[in-house]
Amino acid sequence: MSVRLKRNEFCVIWRDNNFSSKPEYNNKFDAIFKAFLKERMKYIEKTSNFNTYPCETSEEVLNLIRKKNIIK
C-alpha cells in the first residue's frame, strides 16, 4: 500500500468571535448563526482545496501563522 500526500498551496484563516462556544450576543440568534457558520465551514471544506482554520481571537491567528511558518 502506498499513500501520496499533497500539501495544499493555500489556506483560509477565518477569524470570527462567533466560533467560540459561549454566546456572543445573548439572544435567540446566537445558536442559529453559530449553526450557519458551522455549515459554511463544512461547505468550504467539501468544495475547495483549501485548508480552513476557524479562529476565535487574533492571538490564536498569530499563533497559527507562526506554527504554519506562513510568515517568518
PDB file of N, CA and C in Angstrom:
ATOM      1  N   MET A   1       0.844  -1.166   0.000  1.00  0.00           N
ATOM      2  CA  MET A   1       0.000   0.000   0.000  1.00  0.00           C
ATOM      3  C   MET A   1       0.896   1.237   0.000  1.00  0.00           C
ATOM      4  N   SER A   2       0.554   2.174  -0.833  1.00  0.00           N
ATOM      5  CA  SER A   2       1.295   3.431  -0.842  1.00  0.00           C
ATOM      6  C   SER A   2       0.321   4.591  -0.709  1.00  0.00           C
ATOM      7  N   VAL A   3       0.803   5.642  -0.117  1.00  0.00           N
ATOM      8  CA  VAL A   3      -0.018   6.828   0.108  1.00  0.00           C
ATOM      9  C   VAL A   3       0.763   8.039  -0.371  1.00  0.00           C
ATOM     10  N   ARG A   4       0.102   8.873  -1.093  1.00  0.00           N
ATOM     11  CA  ARG A   4       0.732  10.116  -1.546  1.00  0.00           C
ATOM     12  C   ARG A   4      -0.018  11.281  -0.908  1.00  0.00           C
ATOM     13  N   LEU A   5       0.712  12.090  -0.193  1.00  0.00           N
ATOM     14  CA  LEU A   5       0.133  13.259   0.442  1.00  0.00           C
ATOM     15  C   LEU A   5       0.516  14.492  -0.347  1.00  0.00           C
ATOM     16  N   LYS A   6      -0.444  15.363  -0.510  1.00  0.00           N
ATOM     17  CA  LYS A   6      -0.176  16.603  -1.206  1.00  0.00           C
ATOM     18  C   LYS A   6      -0.556  17.754  -0.291  1.00  0.00           C
ATOM     19  N   ARG A   7       0.350  18.663  -0.123  1.00  0.00           N
ATOM     20  CA  ARG A   7       0.087  19.817   0.710  1.00  0.00           C
ATOM     21  C   ARG A   7      -0.662  20.859  -0.104  1.00  0.00           C
ATOM     22  N   ASN A   8      -1.741  21.372   0.471  1.00  0.00           N
ATOM     23  CA  ASN A   8      -2.480  22.434  -0.197  1.00  0.00           C
ATOM     24  C   ASN A   8      -1.643  23.703  -0.211  1.00  0.00           C
ATOM     25  N   GLU A   9      -1.696  24.382  -1.343  1.00  0.00           N
ATOM     26  CA  GLU A   9      -0.868  25.566  -1.505  1.00  0.00           C
ATOM     27  C   GLU A   9      -1.412  26.761  -0.718  1.00  0.00           C
ATOM     28  N   PHE A  10      -2.706  26.817  -0.540  1.00  0.00           N
ATOM     29  CA  PHE A  10      -3.330  27.960   0.108  1.00  0.00           C
ATOM     30  C   PHE A  10      -4.121  27.512   1.332  1.00  0.00           C
ATOM     31  N   CYS A  11      -4.334  28.458   2.227  1.00  0.00           N
ATOM     32  CA  CYS A  11      -5.196  28.191   3.373  1.00  0.00           C
ATOM     33  C   CYS A  11      -6.044  29.429   3.650  1.00  0.00           C
ATOM     34  N   VAL A  12      -7.140  29.205   4.334  1.00  0.00           N
ATOM     35  CA  VAL A  12      -8.031  30.287   4.737  1.00  0.00           C
ATOM     36  C   VAL A  12      -8.036  30.313   6.257  1.00  0.00           C
ATOM     37  N   ILE A  13      -7.684  31.453   6.809  1.00  0.00           N
ATOM     38  CA  ILE A  13      -7.764  31.642   8.248  1.00  0.00           C
ATOM     39  C   ILE A  13      -8.939  32.580   8.496  1.00  0.00           C
ATOM     40  N   TRP A  14      -9.964  32.047   9.113  1.00  0.00           N
ATOM     41  CA  TRP A  14     -11.206  32.787   9.311  1.00  0.00           C
ATOM     42  C   TRP A  14     -11.303  33.162  10.780  1.00  0.00           C
ATOM     43  N   ARG A  15     -11.101  34.437  11.066  1.00  0.00           N
ATOM     44  CA  ARG A  15     -11.163  34.922  12.440  1.00  0.00           C
ATOM     45  C   ARG A  15     -12.542  35.515  12.680  1.00  0.00           C
ATOM     46  N   ASP A  16     -13.247  34.941  13.663  1.00  0.00           N
ATOM     47  CA  ASP A  16     -14.602  35.386  13.975  1.00  0.00           C
ATOM     48  C   ASP A  16     -14.889  35.050  15.427  1.00  0.00           C
ATOM     49  N   ASN A  17     -15.432  36.007  16.154  1.00  0.00           N
ATOM     50  CA  ASN A  17     -15.796  35.773  17.556  1.00  0.00           C
ATOM     51  C   ASN A  17     -16.865  34.701  17.693  1.00  0.00           C
ATOM     52  N   ASN A  18     -17.641  34.509  16.662  1.00  0.00           N
ATOM     53  CA  ASN A  18     -18.756  33.565  16.725  1.00  0.00           C
ATOM     54  C   ASN A  18     -18.327  32.100  16.684  1.00  0.00           C
ATOM     55  N   PHE A  19     -17.043  31.816  16.517  1.00  0.00           N
ATOM     56  CA  PHE A  19     -16.586  30.432  16.571  1.00  0.00           C
ATOM     57  C   PHE A  19     -16.427  29.943  18.006  1.00  0.00           C
ATOM     58  N   SER A  20     -16.590  30.816  18.969  1.00  0.00           N
ATOM     59  CA  SER A  20     -16.474  30.396  20.370  1.00  0.00           C
ATOM     60  C   SER A  20     -17.728  29.625  20.785  1.00  0.00           C
ATOM     61  N   SER A  21     -17.598  28.873  21.847  1.00  0.00           N
ATOM     62  CA  SER A  21     -18.744  28.087  22.326  1.00  0.00           C
ATOM     63  C   SER A  21     -19.676  28.923  23.198  1.00  0.00           C
ATOM     64  N   LYS A  22     -19.191  30.031  23.708  1.00  0.00           N
ATOM     65  CA  LYS A  22     -20.042  30.877  24.560  1.00  0.00           C
ATOM     66  C   LYS A  22     -20.883  31.816  23.698  1.00  0.00           C
ATOM     67  N   PRO A  23     -22.042  32.228  24.214  1.00  0.00           N
ATOM     68  CA  PRO A  23     -22.906  33.123  23.433  1.00  0.00           C
ATOM     69  C   PRO A  23     -22.241  34.476  23.197  1.00  0.00           C
ATOM     70  N   GLU A  24     -22.445  35.014  22.027  1.00  0.00           N
ATOM     71  CA  GLU A  24     -21.823  36.288  21.661  1.00  0.00           C
ATOM     72  C   GLU A  24     -22.755  37.459  21.933  1.00  0.00           C
ATOM     73  N   TYR A  25     -24.013  37.323  21.583  1.00  0.00           N
ATOM     74  CA  TYR A  25     -24.957  38.435  21.706  1.00  0.00           C
ATOM     75  C   TYR A  25     -26.054  38.180  22.733  1.00  0.00           C
ATOM     76  N   ASN A  26     -26.075  36.982  23.311  1.00  0.00           N
ATOM     77  CA  ASN A  26     -27.063  36.615  24.336  1.00  0.00           C
ATOM     78  C   ASN A  26     -28.495  36.807  23.867  1.00  0.00           C
ATOM     79  N   ASN A  27     -28.774  36.372  22.645  1.00  0.00           N
ATOM     80  CA  ASN A  27     -30.149  36.380  22.155  1.00  0.00           C
ATOM     81  C   ASN A  27     -30.421  35.076  21.408  1.00  0.00           C
ATOM     82  N   LYS A  28     -31.622  34.937  20.861  1.00  0.00           N
ATOM     83  CA  LYS A  28     -32.018  33.686  20.219  1.00  0.00           C
ATOM     84  C   LYS A  28     -31.272  33.415  18.912  1.00  0.00           C
ATOM     85  N   PHE A  29     -30.642  34.419  18.355  1.00  0.00           N
ATOM     86  CA  PHE A  29     -29.965  34.250  17.077  1.00  0.00           C
ATOM     87  C   PHE A  29     -28.557  33.686  17.212  1.00  0.00           C
ATOM     88  N   ASP A  30     -28.006  33.643  18.418  1.00  0.00           N
ATOM     89  CA  ASP A  30     -26.663  33.092  18.619  1.00  0.00           C
ATOM     90  C   ASP A  30     -26.556  31.661  18.099  1.00  0.00           C
ATOM     91  N   ALA A  31     -27.449  30.806  18.545  1.00  0.00           N
ATOM     92  CA  ALA A  31     -27.397  29.395  18.151  1.00  0.00           C
ATOM     93  C   ALA A  31     -27.624  29.239  16.645  1.00  0.00           C
ATOM     94  N   ILE A  32     -28.528  30.029  16.102  1.00  0.00           N
ATOM     95  CA  ILE A  32     -28.826  29.951  14.668  1.00  0.00           C
ATOM     96  C   ILE A  32     -27.602  30.359  13.850  1.00  0.00           C
ATOM     97  N   PHE A  33     -26.967  31.459  14.242  1.00  0.00           N
ATOM     98  CA  PHE A  33     -25.813  31.943  13.495  1.00  0.00           C
ATOM     99  C   PHE A  33     -24.617  31.004  13.635  1.00  0.00           C
ATOM    100  N   LYS A  34     -24.415  30.447  14.826  1.00  0.00           N
ATOM    101  CA  LYS A  34     -23.305  29.508  15.026  1.00  0.00           C
ATOM    102  C   LYS A  34     -23.511  28.247  14.185  1.00  0.00           C
ATOM    103  N   ALA A  35     -24.749  27.784  14.086  1.00  0.00           N
ATOM    104  CA  ALA A  35     -25.049  26.629  13.235  1.00  0.00           C
ATOM    105  C   ALA A  35     -24.809  26.974  11.764  1.00  0.00           C
ATOM    106  N   PHE A  36     -25.166  28.193  11.364  1.00  0.00           N
ATOM    107  CA  PHE A  36     -24.930  28.644   9.990  1.00  0.00           C
ATOM    108  C   PHE A  36     -23.433  28.667   9.681  1.00  0.00           C
ATOM    109  N   LEU A  37     -22.624  29.183  10.608  1.00  0.00           N
ATOM    110  CA  LEU A  37     -21.174  29.213  10.402  1.00  0.00           C
ATOM    111  C   LEU A  37     -20.602  27.806  10.286  1.00  0.00           C
ATOM    112  N   LYS A  38     -21.103  26.907  11.100  1.00  0.00           N
ATOM    113  CA  LYS A  38     -20.621  25.525  11.047  1.00  0.00           C
ATOM    114  C   LYS A  38     -20.938  24.892   9.690  1.00  0.00           C
ATOM    115  N   GLU A  39     -22.122  25.163   9.167  1.00  0.00           N
ATOM    116  CA  GLU A  39     -22.494  24.644   7.852  1.00  0.00           C
ATOM    117  C   GLU A  39     -21.628  25.262   6.749  1.00  0.00           C
ATOM    118  N   ARG A  40     -21.329  26.543   6.843  1.00  0.00           N
ATOM    119  CA  ARG A  40     -20.460  27.198   5.859  1.00  0.00           C
ATOM    120  C   ARG A  40     -19.073  26.584   5.877  1.00  0.00           C
ATOM    121  N   MET A  41     -18.543  26.290   7.057  1.00  0.00           N
ATOM    122  CA  MET A  41     -17.229  25.671   7.165  1.00  0.00           C
ATOM    123  C   MET A  41     -17.224  24.295   6.500  1.00  0.00           C
ATOM    124  N   LYS A  42     -18.269  23.512   6.731  1.00  0.00           N
ATOM    125  CA  LYS A  42     -18.372  22.197   6.099  1.00  0.00           C
ATOM    126  C   LYS A  42     -18.423  22.338   4.575  1.00  0.00           C
ATOM    127  N   TYR A  43     -19.176  23.314   4.094  1.00  0.00           N
ATOM    128  CA  TYR A  43     -19.296  23.541   2.652  1.00  0.00           C
ATOM    129  C   TYR A  43     -17.951  23.922   2.045  1.00  0.00           C
ATOM    130  N   ILE A  44     -17.223  24.817   2.701  1.00  0.00           N
ATOM    131  CA  ILE A  44     -15.918  25.239   2.198  1.00  0.00           C
ATOM    132  C   ILE A  44     -14.961  24.050   2.148  1.00  0.00           C
ATOM    133  N   GLU A  45     -14.958  23.226   3.183  1.00  0.00           N
ATOM    134  CA  GLU A  45     -14.062  22.074   3.222  1.00  0.00           C
ATOM    135  C   GLU A  45     -14.382  21.066   2.124  1.00  0.00           C
ATOM    136  N   LYS A  46     -15.663  20.903   1.791  1.00  0.00           N
ATOM    137  CA  LYS A  46     -16.052  19.941   0.770  1.00  0.00           C
ATOM    138  C   LYS A  46     -15.779  20.440  -0.646  1.00  0.00           C
ATOM    139  N   THR A  47     -15.916  21.730  -0.872  1.00  0.00           N
ATOM    140  CA  THR A  47     -15.881  22.242  -2.238  1.00  0.00           C
ATOM    141  C   THR A  47     -14.566  22.900  -2.647  1.00  0.00           C
ATOM    142  N   SER A  48     -13.642  23.054  -1.727  1.00  0.00           N
ATOM    143  CA  SER A  48     -12.400  23.740  -2.083  1.00  0.00           C
ATOM    144  C   SER A  48     -11.190  22.872  -1.772  1.00  0.00           C
ATOM    145  N   ASN A  49     -10.061  23.281  -2.289  1.00  0.00           N
ATOM    146  CA  ASN A  49      -8.799  22.617  -1.991  1.00  0.00           C
ATOM    147  C   ASN A  49      -7.996  23.406  -0.967  1.00  0.00           C
ATOM    148  N   PHE A  50      -8.686  24.175  -0.154  1.00  0.00           N
ATOM    149  CA  PHE A  50      -8.028  24.986   0.862  1.00  0.00           C
ATOM    150  C   PHE A  50      -8.150  24.312   2.217  1.00  0.00           C
ATOM    151  N   ASN A  51      -7.142  24.498   3.029  1.00  0.00           N
ATOM    152  CA  ASN A  51      -7.273  24.160   4.442  1.00  0.00           C
ATOM    153  C   ASN A  51      -7.916  25.366   5.117  1.00  0.00           C
ATOM    154  N   THR A  52      -8.950  25.125   5.891  1.00  0.00           N
ATOM    155  CA  THR A  52      -9.619  26.228   6.579  1.00  0.00           C
ATOM    156  C   THR A  52      -9.380  26.110   8.071  1.00  0.00           C
ATOM    157  N   TYR A  53      -9.090  27.237   8.680  1.00  0.00           N
ATOM    158  CA  TYR A  53      -8.805  27.283  10.109  1.00  0.00           C
ATOM    159  C   TYR A  53      -9.684  28.343  10.761  1.00  0.00           C
ATOM    160  N   PRO A  54     -10.720  27.933  11.468  1.00  0.00           N
ATOM    161  CA  PRO A  54     -11.529  28.917  12.193  1.00  0.00           C
ATOM    162  C   PRO A  54     -10.822  29.318  13.482  1.00  0.00           C
ATOM    163  N   CYS A  55     -10.718  30.606  13.713  1.00  0.00           N
ATOM    164  CA  CYS A  55     -10.061  31.111  14.918  1.00  0.00           C
ATOM    165  C   CYS A  55     -10.974  32.111  15.607  1.00  0.00           C
ATOM    166  N   GLU A  56     -10.884  32.116  16.912  1.00  0.00           N
ATOM    167  CA  GLU A  56     -11.745  32.977  17.709  1.00  0.00           C
ATOM    168  C   GLU A  56     -11.091  34.321  18.026  1.00  0.00           C
ATOM    169  N   THR A  57      -9.781  34.331  18.215  1.00  0.00           N
ATOM    170  CA  THR A  57      -9.088  35.556  18.609  1.00  0.00           C
ATOM    171  C   THR A  57      -7.918  35.845  17.671  1.00  0.00           C
ATOM    172  N   SER A  58      -7.476  37.078  17.697  1.00  0.00           N
ATOM    173  CA  SER A  58      -6.326  37.471  16.887  1.00  0.00           C
ATOM    174  C   SER A  58      -5.058  36.774  17.362  1.00  0.00           C
ATOM    175  N   GLU A  59      -4.940  36.572  18.652  1.00  0.00           N
ATOM    176  CA  GLU A  59      -3.776  35.873  19.195  1.00  0.00           C
ATOM    177  C   GLU A  59      -3.722  34.431  18.686  1.00  0.00           C
ATOM    178  N   GLU A  60      -4.862  33.797  18.603  1.00  0.00           N
ATOM    179  CA  GLU A  60      -4.940  32.439  18.066  1.00  0.00           C
ATOM    180  C   GLU A  60      -4.502  32.413  16.595  1.00  0.00           C
ATOM    181  N   VAL A  61      -4.893  33.430  15.845  1.00  0.00           N
ATOM    182  CA  VAL A  61      -4.490  33.536  14.439  1.00  0.00           C
ATOM    183  C   VAL A  61      -2.979  33.685  14.329  1.00  0.00           C
ATOM    184  N   LEU A  62      -2.397  34.573  15.134  1.00  0.00           N
ATOM    185  CA  LEU A  62      -0.952  34.786  15.087  1.00  0.00           C
ATOM    186  C   LEU A  62      -0.192  33.525  15.462  1.00  0.00           C
ATOM    187  N   ASN A  63      -0.671  32.793  16.457  1.00  0.00           N
ATOM    188  CA  ASN A  63      -0.023  31.537  16.836  1.00  0.00           C
ATOM    189  C   ASN A  63      -0.102  30.514  15.699  1.00  0.00           C
ATOM    190  N   LEU A  64      -1.219  30.471  15.014  1.00  0.00           N
ATOM    191  CA  LEU A  64      -1.377  29.557  13.878  1.00  0.00           C
ATOM    192  C   LEU A  64      -0.421  29.926  12.753  1.00  0.00           C
ATOM    193  N   ILE A  65      -0.298  31.212  12.478  1.00  0.00           N
ATOM    194  CA  ILE A  65       0.606  31.669  11.424  1.00  0.00           C
ATOM    195  C   ILE A  65       2.049  31.296  11.770  1.00  0.00           C
ATOM    196  N   ARG A  66       2.429  31.494  13.009  1.00  0.00           N
ATOM    197  CA  ARG A  66       3.785  31.126  13.419  1.00  0.00           C
ATOM    198  C   ARG A  66       3.991  29.623  13.316  1.00  0.00           C
ATOM    199  N   LYS A  67       2.997  28.863  13.715  1.00  0.00           N
ATOM    200  CA  LYS A  67       3.099  27.403  13.697  1.00  0.00           C
ATOM    201  C   LYS A  67       3.208  26.866  12.263  1.00  0.00           C
ATOM    202  N   LYS A  68       2.483  27.469  11.353  1.00  0.00           N
ATOM    203  CA  LYS A  68       2.471  27.015   9.960  1.00  0.00           C
ATOM    204  C   LYS A  68       3.624  27.609   9.149  1.00  0.00           C
ATOM    205  N   ASN A  69       4.426  28.473   9.758  1.00  0.00           N
ATOM    206  CA  ASN A  69       5.553  29.126   9.076  1.00  0.00           C
ATOM    207  C   ASN A  69       5.117  29.901   7.839  1.00  0.00           C
ATOM    208  N   ILE A  70       3.965  30.533   7.923  1.00  0.00           N
ATOM    209  CA  ILE A  70       3.481  31.351   6.819  1.00  0.00           C
ATOM    210  C   ILE A  70       4.318  32.626   6.733  1.00  0.00           C
ATOM    211  N   ILE A  71       4.576  33.221   7.891  1.00  0.00           N
ATOM    212  CA  ILE A  71       5.403  34.420   7.971  1.00  0.00           C
ATOM    213  C   ILE A  71       6.524  34.140   8.942  1.00  0.00           C
ATOM    214  N   LYS A  72       7.709  34.484   8.582  1.00  0.00           N
ATOM    215  CA  LYS A  72       8.849  34.245   9.473  1.00  0.00           C
ATOM    216  C   LYS A  72       9.189  35.487  10.239  1.00  0.00           C
TER     217      LYS A  72
END
